[in-house]
């Protein structure tokens, strides 16, 4: 699983818990409606800017969005 896929999975899990739509979170974070899904599909790199923007919108610490990325 790529970093972008893990990032998407973590965002999706938090959105579900908070009853938020991923598309709305993408837009509030300053990106297009399917930004996270496109990143996961393309295998794009996750930047600290992405992590901070999504953490701010979701109201979580940035570490919650990267959980599992460094597991072997």
N, C-alpha and C. Protein backbone atom coordinates (compact mmCIF):
# COMPACT_ATOMS: atom_id res chain seq x y z
N UNK A 1 0.85 -1.18 0.00
CA UNK A 1 0.00 0.00 0.00
C UNK A 1 0.90 1.24 0.00
N UNK A 2 0.59 2.19 -0.88
CA UNK A 2 1.41 3.40 -0.98
C UNK A 2 1.05 4.38 0.14
N UNK A 3 1.93 5.37 0.32
CA UNK A 3 1.66 6.40 1.33
C UNK A 3 0.35 7.13 1.04
N UNK A 4 0.10 7.40 -0.25
CA UNK A 4 -1.13 8.11 -0.63
C UNK A 4 -2.37 7.27 -0.31
N UNK A 5 -2.28 5.96 -0.49
CA UNK A 5 -3.41 5.08 -0.17
C UNK A 5 -3.65 5.03 1.34
N UNK A 6 -2.58 5.01 2.12
CA UNK A 6 -2.70 5.02 3.58
C UNK A 6 -3.30 6.34 4.04
N UNK A 7 -2.84 7.44 3.45
CA UNK A 7 -3.36 8.78 3.75
C UNK A 7 -4.87 8.82 3.48
N UNK A 8 -5.28 8.31 2.32
CA UNK A 8 -6.69 8.28 1.96
C UNK A 8 -7.49 7.43 2.95
N UNK A 9 -6.96 6.26 3.27
CA UNK A 9 -7.65 5.36 4.22
C UNK A 9 -7.85 6.04 5.56
N UNK A 10 -6.83 6.73 6.05
CA UNK A 10 -6.94 7.41 7.34
C UNK A 10 -7.95 8.55 7.29
N UNK A 11 -7.93 9.32 6.21
CA UNK A 11 -8.90 10.41 6.06
C UNK A 11 -10.31 9.85 5.98
N UNK A 12 -10.47 8.79 5.21
CA UNK A 12 -11.80 8.17 5.04
C UNK A 12 -12.34 7.67 6.38
N UNK A 13 -11.48 7.07 7.18
CA UNK A 13 -11.88 6.55 8.50
C UNK A 13 -12.32 7.70 9.41
N UNK A 14 -11.57 8.79 9.41
CA UNK A 14 -11.91 9.93 10.27
C UNK A 14 -13.20 10.60 9.77
N UNK A 15 -13.34 10.73 8.46
CA UNK A 15 -14.57 11.31 7.90
C UNK A 15 -15.79 10.50 8.33
N UNK A 16 -15.66 9.20 8.28
CA UNK A 16 -16.78 8.33 8.67
C UNK A 16 -17.15 8.54 10.13
N UNK A 17 -16.15 8.61 11.00
CA UNK A 17 -16.40 8.84 12.43
C UNK A 17 -17.06 10.18 12.69
N UNK A 18 -16.67 11.20 11.91
CA UNK A 18 -17.18 12.55 12.14
C UNK A 18 -18.36 12.90 11.24
N UNK A 19 -18.83 11.92 10.47
CA UNK A 19 -19.97 12.11 9.57
C UNK A 19 -19.72 13.26 8.59
N UNK A 20 -18.55 13.22 7.98
CA UNK A 20 -18.16 14.24 7.00
C UNK A 20 -17.97 13.55 5.64
N UNK A 21 -18.17 14.29 4.57
CA UNK A 21 -17.95 13.76 3.23
C UNK A 21 -16.53 14.12 2.80
N UNK A 22 -15.85 13.14 2.20
CA UNK A 22 -14.46 13.37 1.77
C UNK A 22 -14.36 14.51 0.77
N UNK A 23 -15.30 14.62 -0.14
CA UNK A 23 -15.27 15.70 -1.12
C UNK A 23 -15.32 17.07 -0.48
N UNK A 24 -16.14 17.20 0.54
CA UNK A 24 -16.23 18.48 1.26
C UNK A 24 -14.93 18.78 2.00
N UNK A 25 -14.33 17.75 2.56
CA UNK A 25 -13.06 17.93 3.26
C UNK A 25 -11.97 18.36 2.27
N UNK A 26 -11.96 17.73 1.09
CA UNK A 26 -11.00 18.13 0.04
C UNK A 26 -11.13 19.61 -0.27
N UNK A 27 -12.35 20.07 -0.49
CA UNK A 27 -12.60 21.46 -0.85
C UNK A 27 -12.21 22.41 0.28
N UNK A 28 -12.59 22.07 1.51
CA UNK A 28 -12.24 22.92 2.65
C UNK A 28 -10.74 22.99 2.87
N UNK A 29 -10.04 21.91 2.49
CA UNK A 29 -8.58 21.89 2.63
C UNK A 29 -7.90 22.70 1.52
N UNK A 30 -8.69 23.13 0.52
CA UNK A 30 -8.14 23.96 -0.54
C UNK A 30 -7.80 23.23 -1.82
N UNK A 31 -8.34 22.04 -1.99
CA UNK A 31 -8.06 21.23 -3.17
C UNK A 31 -9.35 20.93 -3.91
N UNK A 32 -9.25 20.23 -5.06
CA UNK A 32 -10.46 19.87 -5.78
C UNK A 32 -11.18 18.72 -5.08
N UNK A 33 -12.39 18.45 -5.48
CA UNK A 33 -13.28 17.53 -4.76
C UNK A 33 -12.76 16.10 -4.63
N UNK A 34 -11.97 15.64 -5.56
CA UNK A 34 -11.48 14.26 -5.51
C UNK A 34 -9.95 14.20 -5.35
N UNK A 35 -9.39 15.18 -4.72
CA UNK A 35 -7.94 15.30 -4.61
C UNK A 35 -7.29 14.08 -3.95
N UNK A 36 -7.78 13.65 -2.80
CA UNK A 36 -7.16 12.53 -2.09
C UNK A 36 -7.29 11.25 -2.92
N UNK A 37 -8.45 11.03 -3.51
CA UNK A 37 -8.65 9.83 -4.33
C UNK A 37 -7.72 9.82 -5.53
N UNK A 38 -7.55 10.96 -6.18
CA UNK A 38 -6.64 11.07 -7.32
C UNK A 38 -5.20 10.83 -6.90
N UNK A 39 -4.83 11.34 -5.73
CA UNK A 39 -3.46 11.12 -5.23
C UNK A 39 -3.22 9.64 -5.00
N UNK A 40 -4.19 8.96 -4.40
CA UNK A 40 -4.04 7.53 -4.12
C UNK A 40 -3.97 6.74 -5.43
N UNK A 41 -4.80 7.11 -6.39
CA UNK A 41 -4.82 6.41 -7.68
C UNK A 41 -3.50 6.58 -8.43
N UNK A 42 -2.97 7.79 -8.42
CA UNK A 42 -1.73 8.09 -9.15
C UNK A 42 -0.47 7.72 -8.36
N UNK A 43 -0.63 7.48 -7.05
CA UNK A 43 0.53 7.19 -6.22
C UNK A 43 1.37 8.42 -5.95
N UNK A 44 0.71 9.58 -5.92
CA UNK A 44 1.41 10.85 -5.69
C UNK A 44 2.03 10.91 -4.29
N UNK A 45 3.00 11.78 -4.15
CA UNK A 45 3.65 11.98 -2.86
C UNK A 45 2.79 12.87 -1.96
N UNK A 46 2.82 12.57 -0.68
CA UNK A 46 2.11 13.36 0.32
C UNK A 46 3.09 14.41 0.85
N UNK A 47 2.68 15.66 0.86
CA UNK A 47 3.54 16.72 1.37
C UNK A 47 3.08 17.13 2.77
N UNK A 48 3.93 17.84 3.47
CA UNK A 48 3.53 18.33 4.79
C UNK A 48 2.37 19.31 4.65
N UNK A 49 2.30 20.01 3.53
CA UNK A 49 1.18 20.92 3.28
C UNK A 49 -0.14 20.18 3.20
N UNK A 50 -0.14 19.03 2.53
CA UNK A 50 -1.34 18.20 2.45
C UNK A 50 -1.76 17.75 3.86
N UNK A 51 -0.80 17.25 4.59
CA UNK A 51 -1.08 16.71 5.93
C UNK A 51 -1.65 17.80 6.83
N UNK A 52 -1.02 18.96 6.83
CA UNK A 52 -1.48 20.06 7.69
C UNK A 52 -2.87 20.55 7.30
N UNK A 53 -3.13 20.69 5.99
CA UNK A 53 -4.42 21.19 5.52
C UNK A 53 -5.55 20.24 5.90
N UNK A 54 -5.35 18.95 5.68
CA UNK A 54 -6.40 17.98 6.00
C UNK A 54 -6.58 17.83 7.51
N UNK A 55 -5.49 17.87 8.26
CA UNK A 55 -5.59 17.77 9.72
C UNK A 55 -6.37 18.95 10.28
N UNK A 56 -6.12 20.14 9.75
CA UNK A 56 -6.84 21.34 10.20
C UNK A 56 -8.33 21.20 9.96
N UNK A 57 -8.71 20.78 8.76
CA UNK A 57 -10.13 20.64 8.41
C UNK A 57 -10.80 19.54 9.24
N UNK A 58 -10.10 18.45 9.45
CA UNK A 58 -10.67 17.33 10.20
C UNK A 58 -10.60 17.52 11.71
N UNK A 59 -9.82 18.48 12.16
CA UNK A 59 -9.69 18.74 13.58
C UNK A 59 -8.93 17.66 14.33
N UNK A 60 -7.89 17.13 13.67
CA UNK A 60 -7.07 16.08 14.29
C UNK A 60 -5.61 16.50 14.23
N UNK A 61 -4.78 15.80 14.98
CA UNK A 61 -3.34 16.03 14.92
C UNK A 61 -2.81 15.41 13.62
N UNK A 62 -1.83 16.04 13.00
CA UNK A 62 -1.29 15.52 11.74
C UNK A 62 -0.85 14.05 11.80
N UNK A 63 -0.37 13.62 12.93
CA UNK A 63 0.06 12.23 13.07
C UNK A 63 -1.03 11.22 12.81
N UNK A 64 -2.27 11.59 13.07
CA UNK A 64 -3.39 10.67 12.83
C UNK A 64 -3.55 10.36 11.35
N UNK A 65 -3.14 11.28 10.49
CA UNK A 65 -3.31 11.08 9.06
C UNK A 65 -2.20 10.24 8.43
N UNK A 66 -1.10 10.09 9.14
CA UNK A 66 0.00 9.29 8.60
C UNK A 66 0.22 7.99 9.36
N UNK A 67 -0.72 7.65 10.24
CA UNK A 67 -0.61 6.39 10.98
C UNK A 67 -0.52 5.22 10.01
N UNK A 68 0.46 4.36 10.22
CA UNK A 68 0.63 3.18 9.40
C UNK A 68 1.57 3.34 8.22
N UNK A 69 2.01 4.56 7.93
CA UNK A 69 2.89 4.77 6.79
C UNK A 69 4.28 4.18 6.99
N UNK A 70 4.71 4.13 8.21
CA UNK A 70 6.09 3.72 8.46
C UNK A 70 6.19 2.31 9.05
N UNK A 71 5.07 1.59 9.05
CA UNK A 71 5.08 0.21 9.53
C UNK A 71 5.74 -0.68 8.48
N UNK A 72 6.47 -1.63 8.91
CA UNK A 72 7.14 -2.54 7.98
C UNK A 72 6.38 -3.83 7.91
